[in-house]
Every structure is written in C-alpha cells, then in structure tokens.
Amino acid sequence: MRRRTPPPPAPLPQRDGVDPVRVRLPAGGAWATVREHLVQRLSGAGAGVVEGMFDAGLVVGADGRPVAPDAPYEPGMFVWFHRELPAEVPVPFPVEVVYRDEHIVVADKPHFLATTPRGTHVAETALARLRRELGIPALTAAHRLDRLTAGLVLFTVRPEERGAYQTLFRDRRVRKEYEAVAPYDASLALPRTVRSRILKERGVPAAREAEGEPNAVTRVELVARRDGLARYRLVPRTGQTHQLRVHLSALGVPILGDPLYPEVTAPVPAGDFRRPLQLLARRLEFTDPVTGAEHAFASARVLRAWSSFGEWAGEV
C-alpha cells in the first residue's frame, strides 16, 4: 500500500491557540489561479473577503511567503491562512487539569465548552484554551466529548504519539464511565445492557435508532434515587454520536437538560448557561501505549441537578 506523503509543517503560528487553515489544491478543475479557486471554495466567507486576504498577503505557501493574487493554480499545492475568528460568548467555567506529564494531559472539561474548534466554536474550546494556558502549541485531542457534556478528555502533547493514543479509543481499549441524572422509573429493570443501531445524518441535529445490526452498546446501572430523580452509571462499549443520550431517552428516562432527546427543542441561546445537560464523563482508565503505565482518572465535578435540583432548575 502506498503511503500518503504528510503535508509540510504550517508556516504560520497559531492564533489564540487556533491552528491556521490548511488547504491542498485538488487535481482537476479549470481554475487559472490559486485565488480563483479559493474564491470559489470559500464563497461563504462573503464578497471580497478572499480577494482582500490575497491583497493583504495573508495567504501563504509552504515557504511562509505570501501567495501572489495572480499565482498560477498548481494541483497538490498547500496554502495556509488564518480565518477571521467568529464572535464567541466566553464560557465562564474553567478547564481543570487532572493530570499532566510529557506525553499526555487529562483535563476535566466543563459543560458548554466544545472540545476542539468546529463551526462557530473556535477559540472558546478546551483545546485552544489549554494550548494558551499550558503553553503547549502542539497539544491535540485524542478523542472528543460533546460540547454539552462535561468531564474527562485526553489530550496528547507530542504529535508523533497522537496516533498511539487515538488507537486506544478506536480499538476500545479505554474504559469510560459516565454519570447522568434523569427521571426515575420504578418499572425500569436495571442493571441492563442496551443494544441498538444508531444513525447520525450530516446536518440533522439528533441521531436516531434504526433497524439493523446493533452498533451501539451501553451498560446502564442505577446508582441512587430520590424525589423522582435518579443517578445512573453508564458504561459505553461503543462510541456512536449521542449514544448515551439516545439510549436513556429510548428507555423513557431522558437526561435532564437535553435539548435534542426525546425531541428537538429550541436552541439554547448563546450565553445561557443555566441548565447544563446532566451528563458527565466521570472516569477514564487505560494502559498508556507509550509508557506502559496504568492510568485511572476521575472527574471531581458534581452534577448540579443531583446536588441542588432547585438551583439547576432556576427555582432558587
């Protein structure tokens, strides 16, 4: 099998902990210049934006030099630039570092903070924050948590070791344990293992269960109950998008604060941090693929709907 040639290193530094955008010019097409291609490719940026970037020398090649506005199109060529960062409402909760060594950083992410830059969440992400706060520009995420989910996330320090840690998650050699607060149902027999087929379509906010071979498996246990609520321990054996949220909703006990399950509600306005999704990535255990050390980490966060339901619900 022919190995793909890795791209050259970025000639631009990070900005606010965010990498520059890298674009490889595709083969084919009838573009005469690099600018012509990017104008078409980045049409959503707005009229005149790409042209202005070229005029200001903000689009650079592998040598770090600005790409001329009339530079001829070369298939396979790499160019870099920084996109204009979107206006973001700061998430007013810290990212707590649980563990750090020369290979990994384990962080306890708060609710509402995305793990990595995506869409309208760029500088206000756990990755960008940690790069800035720890001074580790090469930091990368080995996996992701949903923006609305709090808890433990593993980051890697050295780019050459990232694949080894990502493989742990791909091969399901990481034991993950979650905690959720949801309604209590006396008729729901627990513990149980839920198996179903979950599909997530691009552009559709919610995932759905479908007929067919199961691709999502979750162990669900009751930890405690009171006042019509329950704390559940969730141990996923697979990692489908929104798997835990879908499975609890299907059992008739949707997680408190979930805007998607059992039905999609109005989006939570930016800056509204009052009722976080009551889902927490509580534990993370694995054998370090680089050092061989046995790691077991636990989040110190407490789900507010359990510790103070009135406060979480806005009743006090």
C-alpha atoms as a PDB file:
ATOM      1  CA  MET A   1       0.000   0.000   0.000  1.00  0.00           C
ATOM      2  CA  ARG A   2       1.354   3.384  -0.986  1.00  0.00           C
ATOM      3  CA  ARG A   3       1.858   5.709   1.967  1.00  0.00           C
ATOM      4  CA  ARG A   4       0.393   9.163   1.761  1.00  0.00           C
ATOM      5  CA  THR A   5       3.002  11.910   1.937  1.00  0.00           C
ATOM      6  CA  PRO A   6       2.435  14.015   5.056  1.00  0.00           C
ATOM      7  CA  PRO A   7       1.794  17.726   4.491  1.00  0.00           C
ATOM      8  CA  PRO A   8       4.598  20.193   5.213  1.00  0.00           C
ATOM      9  CA  PRO A   9       4.578  21.932   8.608  1.00  0.00           C
ATOM     10  CA  ALA A  10       2.432  25.023   8.940  1.00  0.00           C
ATOM     11  CA  PRO A  11       4.436  28.176   8.130  1.00  0.00           C
ATOM     12  CA  LEU A  12       2.088  30.329  10.226  1.00  0.00           C
ATOM     13  CA  PRO A  13       1.961  30.329  14.045  1.00  0.00           C
ATOM     14  CA  GLN A  14      -1.216  29.601  15.958  1.00  0.00           C
ATOM     15  CA  ARG A  15      -3.503  32.476  16.824  1.00  0.00           C
ATOM     16  CA  ASP A  16      -5.294  32.355  20.200  1.00  0.00           C
ATOM     17  CA  GLY A  17      -4.466  28.643  20.361  1.00  0.00           C
ATOM     18  CA  VAL A  18      -6.067  28.002  16.957  1.00  0.00           C
ATOM     19  CA  ASP A  19      -4.154  26.482  14.028  1.00  0.00           C
ATOM     20  CA  PRO A  20      -4.122  28.205  10.649  1.00  0.00           C
ATOM     21  CA  VAL A  21      -6.367  26.728   7.984  1.00  0.00           C
ATOM     22  CA  ARG A  22      -4.529  24.437   5.563  1.00  0.00           C
ATOM     23  CA  VAL A  23      -5.836  23.896   2.036  1.00  0.00           C
ATOM     24  CA  ARG A  24      -4.460  21.472  -0.517  1.00  0.00           C
ATOM     25  CA  LEU A  25      -5.355  22.411  -4.078  1.00  0.00           C
ATOM     26  CA  PRO A  26      -7.162  19.464  -5.693  1.00  0.00           C
ATOM     27  CA  ALA A  27      -6.354  17.878  -9.018  1.00  0.00           C
ATOM     28  CA  GLY A  28      -8.610  18.763 -11.909  1.00  0.00           C
ATOM     29  CA  GLY A  29     -10.770  21.823 -12.275  1.00  0.00           C
ATOM     30  CA  ALA A  30     -10.436  24.805 -14.552  1.00  0.00           C
ATOM     31  CA  TRP A  31      -9.049  27.390 -12.146  1.00  0.00           C
ATOM     32  CA  ALA A  32      -6.359  29.600 -13.605  1.00  0.00           C
ATOM     33  CA  THR A  33      -5.058  30.957 -10.288  1.00  0.00           C
ATOM     34  CA  VAL A  34      -4.902  29.969  -6.640  1.00  0.00           C
ATOM     35  CA  ARG A  35      -7.055  32.965  -5.790  1.00  0.00           C
ATOM     36  CA  GLU A  36      -9.753  31.919  -8.247  1.00  0.00           C
ATOM     37  CA  HIS A  37     -10.009  28.512  -6.603  1.00  0.00           C
ATOM     38  CA  LEU A  38     -10.179  29.904  -3.053  1.00  0.00           C
ATOM     39  CA  VAL A  39     -12.783  32.499  -4.020  1.00  0.00           C
ATOM     40  CA  GLN A  40     -14.992  29.656  -5.225  1.00  0.00           C
ATOM     41  CA  ARG A  41     -14.130  27.292  -2.374  1.00  0.00           C
ATOM     42  CA  LEU A  42     -14.674  29.890   0.351  1.00  0.00           C
ATOM     43  CA  SER A  43     -17.703  31.543  -1.192  1.00  0.00           C
ATOM     44  CA  GLY A  44     -19.451  31.586   2.179  1.00  0.00           C
ATOM     45  CA  ALA A  45     -16.851  33.997   3.572  1.00  0.00           C
ATOM     46  CA  GLY A  46     -18.576  36.933   1.857  1.00  0.00           C
ATOM     47  CA  ALA A  47     -17.951  39.136  -1.155  1.00  0.00           C
ATOM     48  CA  GLY A  48     -14.416  40.441  -1.430  1.00  0.00           C
ATOM     49  CA  VAL A  49     -13.118  38.665   1.685  1.00  0.00           C
ATOM     50  CA  VAL A  50     -10.790  36.206  -0.082  1.00  0.00           C
ATOM     51  CA  GLU A  51      -9.581  38.846  -2.514  1.00  0.00           C
ATOM     52  CA  GLY A  52      -8.764  41.073   0.457  1.00  0.00           C
ATOM     53  CA  MET A  53      -6.760  38.294   2.090  1.00  0.00           C
ATOM     54  CA  PHE A  54      -4.597  37.944  -1.029  1.00  0.00           C
ATOM     55  CA  ASP A  55      -4.141  41.710  -1.321  1.00  0.00           C
ATOM     56  CA  ALA A  56      -3.016  41.838   2.319  1.00  0.00           C
ATOM     57  CA  GLY A  57      -0.587  38.925   1.898  1.00  0.00           C
ATOM     58  CA  LEU A  58      -2.463  36.731   4.372  1.00  0.00           C
ATOM     59  CA  VAL A  59      -2.478  33.589   2.203  1.00  0.00           C
ATOM     60  CA  VAL A  60       0.941  31.938   2.295  1.00  0.00           C
ATOM     61  CA  GLY A  61       2.668  28.933   0.759  1.00  0.00           C
ATOM     62  CA  ALA A  62       4.854  26.284   2.382  1.00  0.00           C
ATOM     63  CA  ASP A  63       7.791  28.711   2.495  1.00  0.00           C
ATOM     64  CA  GLY A  64       5.767  31.212   4.514  1.00  0.00           C
ATOM     65  CA  ARG A  65       5.753  33.778   1.728  1.00  0.00           C
ATOM     66  CA  PRO A  66       2.506  35.405   0.581  1.00  0.00           C
ATOM     67  CA  VAL A  67       0.900  33.807  -2.455  1.00  0.00           C
ATOM     68  CA  ALA A  68       0.556  36.430  -5.191  1.00  0.00           C
ATOM     69  CA  PRO A  69      -3.006  37.228  -6.342  1.00  0.00           C
ATOM     70  CA  ASP A  70      -2.103  36.068  -9.847  1.00  0.00           C
ATOM     71  CA  ALA A  71      -0.143  32.944  -8.773  1.00  0.00           C
ATOM     72  CA  PRO A  72      -0.977  30.108 -11.190  1.00  0.00           C
ATOM     73  CA  TYR A  73      -3.000  27.167  -9.933  1.00  0.00           C
ATOM     74  CA  GLU A  74      -0.870  24.113  -9.072  1.00  0.00           C
ATOM     75  CA  PRO A  75      -2.673  20.864  -8.160  1.00  0.00           C
ATOM     76  CA  GLY A  76      -1.331  19.458  -4.891  1.00  0.00           C
ATOM     77  CA  MET A  77      -0.015  22.802  -3.668  1.00  0.00           C
ATOM     78  CA  PHE A  78      -0.610  23.666   0.012  1.00  0.00           C
ATOM     79  CA  VAL A  79      -1.621  27.121   1.191  1.00  0.00           C
ATOM     80  CA  TRP A  80      -2.337  28.413   4.695  1.00  0.00           C
ATOM     81  CA  PHE A  81      -4.240  31.330   6.181  1.00  0.00           C
ATOM     82  CA  HIS A  82      -5.967  32.352   9.372  1.00  0.00           C
ATOM     83  CA  ARG A  83      -9.716  32.673   9.157  1.00  0.00           C
ATOM     84  CA  GLU A  84     -11.442  35.528  10.911  1.00  0.00           C
ATOM     85  CA  LEU A  85     -12.492  34.141  14.290  1.00  0.00           C
ATOM     86  CA  PRO A  86     -16.242  34.258  14.978  1.00  0.00           C
ATOM     87  CA  ALA A  87     -17.601  36.329  17.833  1.00  0.00           C
ATOM     88  CA  GLU A  88     -17.938  33.874  20.721  1.00  0.00           C
ATOM     89  CA  VAL A  89     -19.583  34.223  24.101  1.00  0.00           C
ATOM     90  CA  PRO A  90     -16.948  33.185  26.684  1.00  0.00           C
ATOM     91  CA  VAL A  91     -17.833  30.033  28.610  1.00  0.00           C
ATOM     92  CA  PRO A  92     -17.418  31.209  32.232  1.00  0.00           C
ATOM     93  CA  PHE A  93     -16.140  27.913  33.641  1.00  0.00           C
ATOM     94  CA  PRO A  94     -12.515  26.746  33.892  1.00  0.00           C
ATOM     95  CA  VAL A  95     -10.923  23.694  32.305  1.00  0.00           C
ATOM     96  CA  GLU A  96      -9.345  21.799  35.183  1.00  0.00           C
ATOM     97  CA  VAL A  97      -6.120  19.851  34.535  1.00  0.00           C
ATOM     98  CA  VAL A  98      -6.376  16.475  36.284  1.00  0.00           C
ATOM     99  CA  TYR A  99      -3.035  15.065  35.140  1.00  0.00           C
ATOM    100  CA  ARG A 100      -0.085  16.171  33.044  1.00  0.00           C
ATOM    101  CA  ASP A 101       3.195  14.592  32.006  1.00  0.00           C
ATOM    102  CA  GLU A 102       5.483  14.847  28.993  1.00  0.00           C
ATOM    103  CA  HIS A 103       3.132  12.713  26.882  1.00  0.00           C
ATOM    104  CA  ILE A 104      -0.466  13.494  27.857  1.00  0.00           C
ATOM    105  CA  VAL A 105      -2.774  15.995  29.526  1.00  0.00           C
ATOM    106  CA  VAL A 106      -6.037  14.844  31.074  1.00  0.00           C
ATOM    107  CA  ALA A 107      -8.500  17.700  31.510  1.00  0.00           C
ATOM    108  CA  ASP A 108     -11.888  17.997  33.202  1.00  0.00           C
ATOM    109  CA  LYS A 109     -13.988  19.920  30.683  1.00  0.00           C
ATOM    110  CA  PRO A 110     -16.979  21.996  31.805  1.00  0.00           C
ATOM    111  CA  HIS A 111     -20.420  21.910  30.226  1.00  0.00           C
ATOM    112  CA  PHE A 112     -20.969  24.176  27.189  1.00  0.00           C
ATOM    113  CA  LEU A 113     -17.307  24.174  26.101  1.00  0.00           C
ATOM    114  CA  ALA A 114     -16.511  22.359  22.852  1.00  0.00           C
ATOM    115  CA  THR A 115     -13.538  20.002  22.892  1.00  0.00           C
ATOM    116  CA  THR A 116     -11.950  21.154  19.618  1.00  0.00           C
ATOM    117  CA  PRO A 117     -12.569  24.006  17.133  1.00  0.00           C
ATOM    118  CA  ARG A 118     -15.610  23.363  14.998  1.00  0.00           C
ATOM    119  CA  GLY A 119     -18.215  25.584  13.382  1.00  0.00           C
ATOM    120  CA  THR A 120     -18.853  28.683  15.477  1.00  0.00           C
ATOM    121  CA  HIS A 121     -16.830  27.372  18.425  1.00  0.00           C
ATOM    122  CA  VAL A 122     -13.162  28.054  17.733  1.00  0.00           C
ATOM    123  CA  ALA A 123     -11.149  29.954  20.355  1.00  0.00           C
ATOM    124  CA  GLU A 124     -13.690  29.080  23.064  1.00  0.00           C
ATOM    125  CA  THR A 125     -12.787  25.396  23.087  1.00  0.00           C
ATOM    126  CA  ALA A 126     -10.957  23.189  25.555  1.00  0.00           C
ATOM    127  CA  LEU A 127      -8.103  22.578  23.119  1.00  0.00           C
ATOM    128  CA  ALA A 128      -7.482  26.243  22.316  1.00  0.00           C
ATOM    129  CA  ARG A 129      -7.711  27.208  25.996  1.00  0.00           C
ATOM    130  CA  LEU A 130      -5.259  24.552  27.118  1.00  0.00           C
ATOM    131  CA  ARG A 131      -2.794  25.439  24.374  1.00  0.00           C
ATOM    132  CA  ARG A 132      -2.822  29.020  25.607  1.00  0.00           C
ATOM    133  CA  GLU A 133      -2.878  28.297  29.330  1.00  0.00           C
ATOM    134  CA  LEU A 134      -0.279  25.498  29.338  1.00  0.00           C
ATOM    135  CA  GLY A 135       1.901  26.899  26.578  1.00  0.00           C
ATOM    136  CA  ILE A 136       1.766  23.684  24.512  1.00  0.00           C
ATOM    137  CA  PRO A 137       1.075  24.676  20.880  1.00  0.00           C
ATOM    138  CA  ALA A 138       1.346  21.041  19.697  1.00  0.00           C
ATOM    139  CA  LEU A 139      -1.393  19.811  22.059  1.00  0.00           C
ATOM    140  CA  THR A 140      -4.092  17.775  20.303  1.00  0.00           C
ATOM    141  CA  ALA A 141      -7.196  15.886  21.410  1.00  0.00           C
ATOM    142  CA  ALA A 142      -7.132  12.086  21.332  1.00  0.00           C
ATOM    143  CA  HIS A 143     -10.955  11.956  21.335  1.00  0.00           C
ATOM    144  CA  ARG A 144     -13.949  14.276  21.816  1.00  0.00           C
ATOM    145  CA  LEU A 145     -16.789  14.946  24.198  1.00  0.00           C
ATOM    146  CA  ASP A 146     -19.987  16.647  23.080  1.00  0.00           C
ATOM    147  CA  ARG A 147     -19.975  20.365  23.800  1.00  0.00           C
ATOM    148  CA  LEU A 148     -22.871  19.963  26.257  1.00  0.00           C
ATOM    149  CA  THR A 149     -21.233  17.055  28.118  1.00  0.00           C
ATOM    150  CA  ALA A 150     -18.771  17.728  30.941  1.00  0.00           C
ATOM    151  CA  GLY A 151     -15.920  15.560  32.118  1.00  0.00           C
ATOM    152  CA  LEU A 152     -12.620  13.938  31.275  1.00  0.00           C
ATOM    153  CA  VAL A 153     -10.838  14.397  27.947  1.00  0.00           C
ATOM    154  CA  LEU A 154      -7.428  13.029  26.963  1.00  0.00           C
ATOM    155  CA  PHE A 155      -5.027  15.296  25.061  1.00  0.00           C
ATOM    156  CA  THR A 156      -1.646  14.359  23.615  1.00  0.00           C
ATOM    157  CA  VAL A 157       1.486  16.507  23.887  1.00  0.00           C
ATOM    158  CA  ARG A 158       3.637  15.123  21.078  1.00  0.00           C
ATOM    159  CA  PRO A 159       2.227  14.947  17.531  1.00  0.00           C
ATOM    160  CA  GLU A 160       4.189  11.778  16.750  1.00  0.00           C
ATOM    161  CA  GLU A 161       2.467   9.971  19.661  1.00  0.00           C
ATOM    162  CA  ARG A 162      -1.090  11.083  18.920  1.00  0.00           C
ATOM    163  CA  GLY A 163      -1.869   8.042  16.763  1.00  0.00           C
ATOM    164  CA  ALA A 164      -0.951   5.624  19.549  1.00  0.00           C
ATOM    165  CA  TYR A 165      -3.424   7.229  21.931  1.00  0.00           C
ATOM    166  CA  GLN A 166      -6.160   7.574  19.318  1.00  0.00           C
ATOM    167  CA  THR A 167      -5.786   3.872  18.582  1.00  0.00           C
ATOM    168  CA  LEU A 168      -6.731   3.136  22.200  1.00  0.00           C
ATOM    169  CA  PHE A 169     -10.155   4.650  21.574  1.00  0.00           C
ATOM    170  CA  ARG A 170     -10.522   3.125  18.115  1.00  0.00           C
ATOM    171  CA  ASP A 171      -9.765  -0.351  19.464  1.00  0.00           C
ATOM    172  CA  ARG A 172     -11.967   0.170  22.562  1.00  0.00           C
ATOM    173  CA  ARG A 173      -9.073  -0.271  24.973  1.00  0.00           C
ATOM    174  CA  VAL A 174     -10.173   2.671  27.110  1.00  0.00           C
ATOM    175  CA  ARG A 175     -12.717   2.099  29.868  1.00  0.00           C
ATOM    176  CA  LYS A 176     -15.048   5.077  30.016  1.00  0.00           C
ATOM    177  CA  GLU A 177     -17.662   5.572  32.688  1.00  0.00           C
ATOM    178  CA  TYR A 178     -20.304   8.286  32.645  1.00  0.00           C
ATOM    179  CA  GLU A 179     -22.832   9.591  35.140  1.00  0.00           C
ATOM    180  CA  ALA A 180     -26.242  11.048  34.313  1.00  0.00           C
ATOM    181  CA  VAL A 181     -29.206  12.492  36.171  1.00  0.00           C
ATOM    182  CA  ALA A 182     -32.594  11.639  34.694  1.00  0.00           C
ATOM    183  CA  PRO A 183     -36.120  10.754  35.870  1.00  0.00           C
ATOM    184  CA  TYR A 184     -36.567   7.640  37.992  1.00  0.00           C
ATOM    185  CA  ASP A 185     -38.838   4.914  36.614  1.00  0.00           C
ATOM    186  CA  ALA A 186     -39.679   2.135  39.048  1.00  0.00           C
ATOM    187  CA  SER A 187     -40.746  -0.122  36.199  1.00  0.00           C
ATOM    188  CA  LEU A 188     -37.356   0.085  34.505  1.00  0.00           C
ATOM    189  CA  ALA A 189     -35.392  -3.047  35.377  1.00  0.00           C
ATOM    190  CA  LEU A 190     -31.736  -2.230  35.985  1.00  0.00           C
ATOM    191  CA  PRO A 191     -28.919  -3.000  35.528  1.00  0.00           C
ATOM    192  CA  ARG A 192     -29.237  -3.826  31.863  1.00  0.00           C
ATOM    193  CA  THR A 193     -27.238  -3.668  28.650  1.00  0.00           C
ATOM    194  CA  VAL A 194     -28.834  -1.672  25.844  1.00  0.00           C
ATOM    195  CA  ARG A 195     -28.040  -2.611  22.261  1.00  0.00           C
ATOM    196  CA  SER A 196     -29.331  -0.777  19.207  1.00  0.00           C
ATOM    197  CA  ARG A 197     -28.368   0.630  15.834  1.00  0.00           C
ATOM    198  CA  ILE A 198     -27.804   4.389  15.936  1.00  0.00           C
ATOM    199  CA  LEU A 199     -27.533   6.526  12.811  1.00  0.00           C
ATOM    200  CA  LYS A 200     -26.450  10.176  12.663  1.00  0.00           C
ATOM    201  CA  GLU A 201     -27.043  12.072   9.427  1.00  0.00           C
ATOM    202  CA  ARG A 202     -24.966  15.104   8.495  1.00  0.00           C
ATOM    203  CA  GLY A 203     -26.890  18.316   9.043  1.00  0.00           C
ATOM    204  CA  VAL A 204     -29.502  16.679  11.291  1.00  0.00           C
ATOM    205  CA  PRO A 205     -29.009  17.630  14.979  1.00  0.00           C
ATOM    206  CA  ALA A 206     -30.351  14.454  16.546  1.00  0.00           C
ATOM    207  CA  ALA A 207     -29.253  10.876  15.967  1.00  0.00           C
ATOM    208  CA  ARG A 208     -31.864   8.139  15.638  1.00  0.00           C
ATOM    209  CA  GLU A 209     -32.270   4.444  16.256  1.00  0.00           C
ATOM    210  CA  ALA A 210     -32.908   2.232  13.236  1.00  0.00           C
ATOM    211  CA  GLU A 211     -33.476  -1.394  12.347  1.00  0.00           C
ATOM    212  CA  GLY A 212     -30.411  -3.499  11.703  1.00  0.00           C
ATOM    213  CA  GLU A 213     -27.288  -4.859  13.318  1.00  0.00           C
ATOM    214  CA  PRO A 214     -26.579  -3.038  16.629  1.00  0.00           C
ATOM    215  CA  ASN A 215     -23.618  -0.686  16.537  1.00  0.00           C
ATOM    216  CA  ALA A 216     -24.148   0.900  19.972  1.00  0.00           C
ATOM    217  CA  VAL A 217     -23.886  -0.902  23.307  1.00  0.00           C
ATOM    218  CA  THR A 218     -24.306   0.694  26.754  1.00  0.00           C
ATOM    219  CA  ARG A 219     -24.409  -0.776  30.245  1.00  0.00           C
ATOM    220  CA  VAL A 220     -26.936   1.153  32.371  1.00  0.00           C
ATOM    221  CA  GLU A 221     -26.941   0.930  36.184  1.00  0.00           C
ATOM    222  CA  LEU A 222     -28.942   2.696  38.885  1.00  0.00           C
ATOM    223  CA  VAL A 223     -26.674   4.378  41.462  1.00  0.00           C
ATOM    224  CA  ALA A 224     -29.197   6.225  43.617  1.00  0.00           C
ATOM    225  CA  ARG A 225     -32.703   7.697  43.516  1.00  0.00           C
ATOM    226  CA  ARG A 226     -34.679  10.384  45.325  1.00  0.00           C
ATOM    227  CA  ASP A 227     -37.556  12.795  44.698  1.00  0.00           C
ATOM    228  CA  GLY A 228     -38.417  11.282  41.327  1.00  0.00           C
ATOM    229  CA  LEU A 229     -34.846  11.541  40.036  1.00  0.00           C
ATOM    230  CA  ALA A 230     -32.079   9.004  39.653  1.00  0.00           C
ATOM    231  CA  ARG A 231     -28.324   8.928  39.171  1.00  0.00           C
ATOM    232  CA  TYR A 232     -27.291   6.468  36.515  1.00  0.00           C
ATOM    233  CA  ARG A 233     -23.891   4.937  35.816  1.00  0.00           C
ATOM    234  CA  LEU A 234     -23.365   4.490  32.079  1.00  0.00           C
ATOM    235  CA  VAL A 235     -20.588   2.320  30.667  1.00  0.00           C
ATOM    236  CA  PRO A 236     -20.429   2.545  26.860  1.00  0.00           C
ATOM    237  CA  ARG A 237     -18.800  -0.285  24.952  1.00  0.00           C
ATOM    238  CA  THR A 238     -19.019   1.605  21.666  1.00  0.00           C
ATOM    239  CA  GLY A 239     -18.765   5.277  20.771  1.00  0.00           C
ATOM    240  CA  GLN A 240     -21.616   6.331  18.500  1.00  0.00           C
ATOM    241  CA  THR A 241     -22.591  10.001  18.373  1.00  0.00           C
ATOM    242  CA  HIS A 242     -25.008  10.868  21.229  1.00  0.00           C
ATOM    243  CA  GLN A 243     -25.128   7.180  22.163  1.00  0.00           C
ATOM    244  CA  LEU A 244     -25.806   7.643  25.885  1.00  0.00           C
ATOM    245  CA  ARG A 245     -28.398  10.342  25.304  1.00  0.00           C
ATOM    246  CA  VAL A 246     -30.208   8.225  22.722  1.00  0.00           C
ATOM    247  CA  HIS A 247     -30.190   5.106  24.886  1.00  0.00           C
ATOM    248  CA  LEU A 248     -31.536   6.755  28.049  1.00  0.00           C
ATOM    249  CA  SER A 249     -34.193   8.538  26.038  1.00  0.00           C
ATOM    250  CA  ALA A 250     -35.215   5.237  24.431  1.00  0.00           C
ATOM    251  CA  LEU A 251     -35.562   3.744  27.922  1.00  0.00           C
ATOM    252  CA  GLY A 252     -38.019   6.511  28.792  1.00  0.00           C
ATOM    253  CA  VAL A 253     -35.673   8.416  31.105  1.00  0.00           C
ATOM    254  CA  PRO A 254     -34.111  11.222  29.006  1.00  0.00           C
ATOM    255  CA  ILE A 255     -31.205  13.045  30.589  1.00  0.00           C
ATOM    256  CA  LEU A 256     -32.148  16.319  32.269  1.00  0.00           C
ATOM    257  CA  GLY A 257     -31.302  19.391  30.219  1.00  0.00           C
ATOM    258  CA  ASP A 258     -31.140  17.539  26.884  1.00  0.00           C
ATOM    259  CA  PRO A 259     -32.304  19.833  24.046  1.00  0.00           C
ATOM    260  CA  LEU A 260     -32.412  17.003  21.471  1.00  0.00           C
ATOM    261  CA  TYR A 261     -33.905  13.930  23.129  1.00  0.00           C
ATOM    262  CA  PRO A 262     -36.640  12.774  23.216  1.00  0.00           C
ATOM    263  CA  GLU A 263     -37.473  15.679  20.897  1.00  0.00           C
ATOM    264  CA  VAL A 264     -35.608  18.647  19.473  1.00  0.00           C
ATOM    265  CA  THR A 265     -36.432  21.869  21.299  1.00  0.00           C
ATOM    266  CA  ALA A 266     -35.493  25.465  20.580  1.00  0.00           C
ATOM    267  CA  PRO A 267     -31.713  26.002  20.600  1.00  0.00           C
ATOM    268  CA  VAL A 268     -30.276  27.265  23.868  1.00  0.00           C
ATOM    269  CA  PRO A 269     -29.379  30.959  23.352  1.00  0.00           C
ATOM    270  CA  ALA A 270     -25.682  31.811  23.379  1.00  0.00           C
ATOM    271  CA  GLY A 271     -24.670  32.796  26.875  1.00  0.00           C
ATOM    272  CA  ASP A 272     -27.446  30.843  28.596  1.00  0.00           C
ATOM    273  CA  PHE A 273     -25.561  28.552  30.972  1.00  0.00           C
ATOM    274  CA  ARG A 274     -28.398  27.944  33.435  1.00  0.00           C
ATOM    275  CA  ARG A 275     -29.410  24.333  32.789  1.00  0.00           C
ATOM    276  CA  PRO A 276     -26.472  22.224  31.595  1.00  0.00           C
ATOM    277  CA  LEU A 277     -27.065  18.742  30.264  1.00  0.00           C
ATOM    278  CA  GLN A 278     -26.751  16.440  33.257  1.00  0.00           C
ATOM    279  CA  LEU A 279     -24.198  14.113  31.691  1.00  0.00           C
ATOM    280  CA  LEU A 280     -20.639  13.742  32.959  1.00  0.00           C
ATOM    281  CA  ALA A 281     -17.679  11.692  31.720  1.00  0.00           C
ATOM    282  CA  ARG A 282     -16.785  10.515  35.214  1.00  0.00           C
ATOM    283  CA  ARG A 283     -13.910   8.022  34.774  1.00  0.00           C
ATOM    284  CA  LEU A 284     -11.210   7.235  32.226  1.00  0.00           C
ATOM    285  CA  GLU A 285      -8.951   4.175  32.542  1.00  0.00           C
ATOM    286  CA  PHE A 286      -6.322   2.824  30.136  1.00  0.00           C
ATOM    287  CA  THR A 287      -2.835   1.417  29.788  1.00  0.00           C
ATOM    288  CA  ASP A 288      -0.533   4.095  28.418  1.00  0.00           C
ATOM    289  CA  PRO A 289       0.632   2.904  24.974  1.00  0.00           C
ATOM    290  CA  VAL A 290       3.873   4.883  25.251  1.00  0.00           C
ATOM    291  CA  THR A 291       4.979   4.426  28.869  1.00  0.00           C
ATOM    292  CA  GLY A 292       3.066   1.266  29.820  1.00  0.00           C
ATOM    293  CA  ALA A 293       1.680   2.985  32.943  1.00  0.00           C
ATOM    294  CA  GLU A 294      -1.786   2.063  34.203  1.00  0.00           C
ATOM    295  CA  HIS A 295      -3.906   5.212  34.342  1.00  0.00           C
ATOM    296  CA  ALA A 296      -7.202   5.740  36.180  1.00  0.00           C
ATOM    297  CA  PHE A 297      -8.658   9.251  36.356  1.00  0.00           C
ATOM    298  CA  ALA A 298     -11.863  10.569  37.916  1.00  0.00           C
ATOM    299  CA  SER A 299     -13.715  13.851  37.460  1.00  0.00           C
ATOM    300  CA  ALA A 300     -14.289  15.948  40.564  1.00  0.00           C
ATOM    301  CA  ARG A 301     -17.377  17.607  39.100  1.00  0.00           C
ATOM    302  CA  VAL A 302     -20.838  17.178  40.623  1.00  0.00           C
ATOM    303  CA  LEU A 303     -23.983  17.180  38.501  1.00  0.00           C
ATOM    304  CA  ARG A 304     -25.950  20.135  39.803  1.00  0.00           C
ATOM    305  CA  ALA A 305     -29.418  18.675  39.298  1.00  0.00           C
ATOM    306  CA  TRP A 306     -28.498  15.996  41.838  1.00  0.00           C
ATOM    307  CA  SER A 307     -26.706  18.184  44.380  1.00  0.00           C
ATOM    308  CA  SER A 308     -29.256  21.029  44.127  1.00  0.00           C
ATOM    309  CA  PHE A 309     -32.153  20.458  41.774  1.00  0.00           C
ATOM    310  CA  GLY A 310     -33.796  23.773  42.621  1.00  0.00           C
ATOM    311  CA  GLU A 311     -30.641  25.665  41.735  1.00  0.00           C
ATOM    312  CA  TRP A 312     -30.241  23.777  38.448  1.00  0.00           C
ATOM    313  CA  ALA A 313     -33.916  24.309  37.566  1.00  0.00           C
ATOM    314  CA  GLY A 314     -33.781  28.003  38.438  1.00  0.00           C
ATOM    315  CA  GLU A 315     -36.237  27.698  41.305  1.00  0.00           C
ATOM    316  CA  VAL A 316     -33.925  29.302  43.860  1.00  0.00           C
END
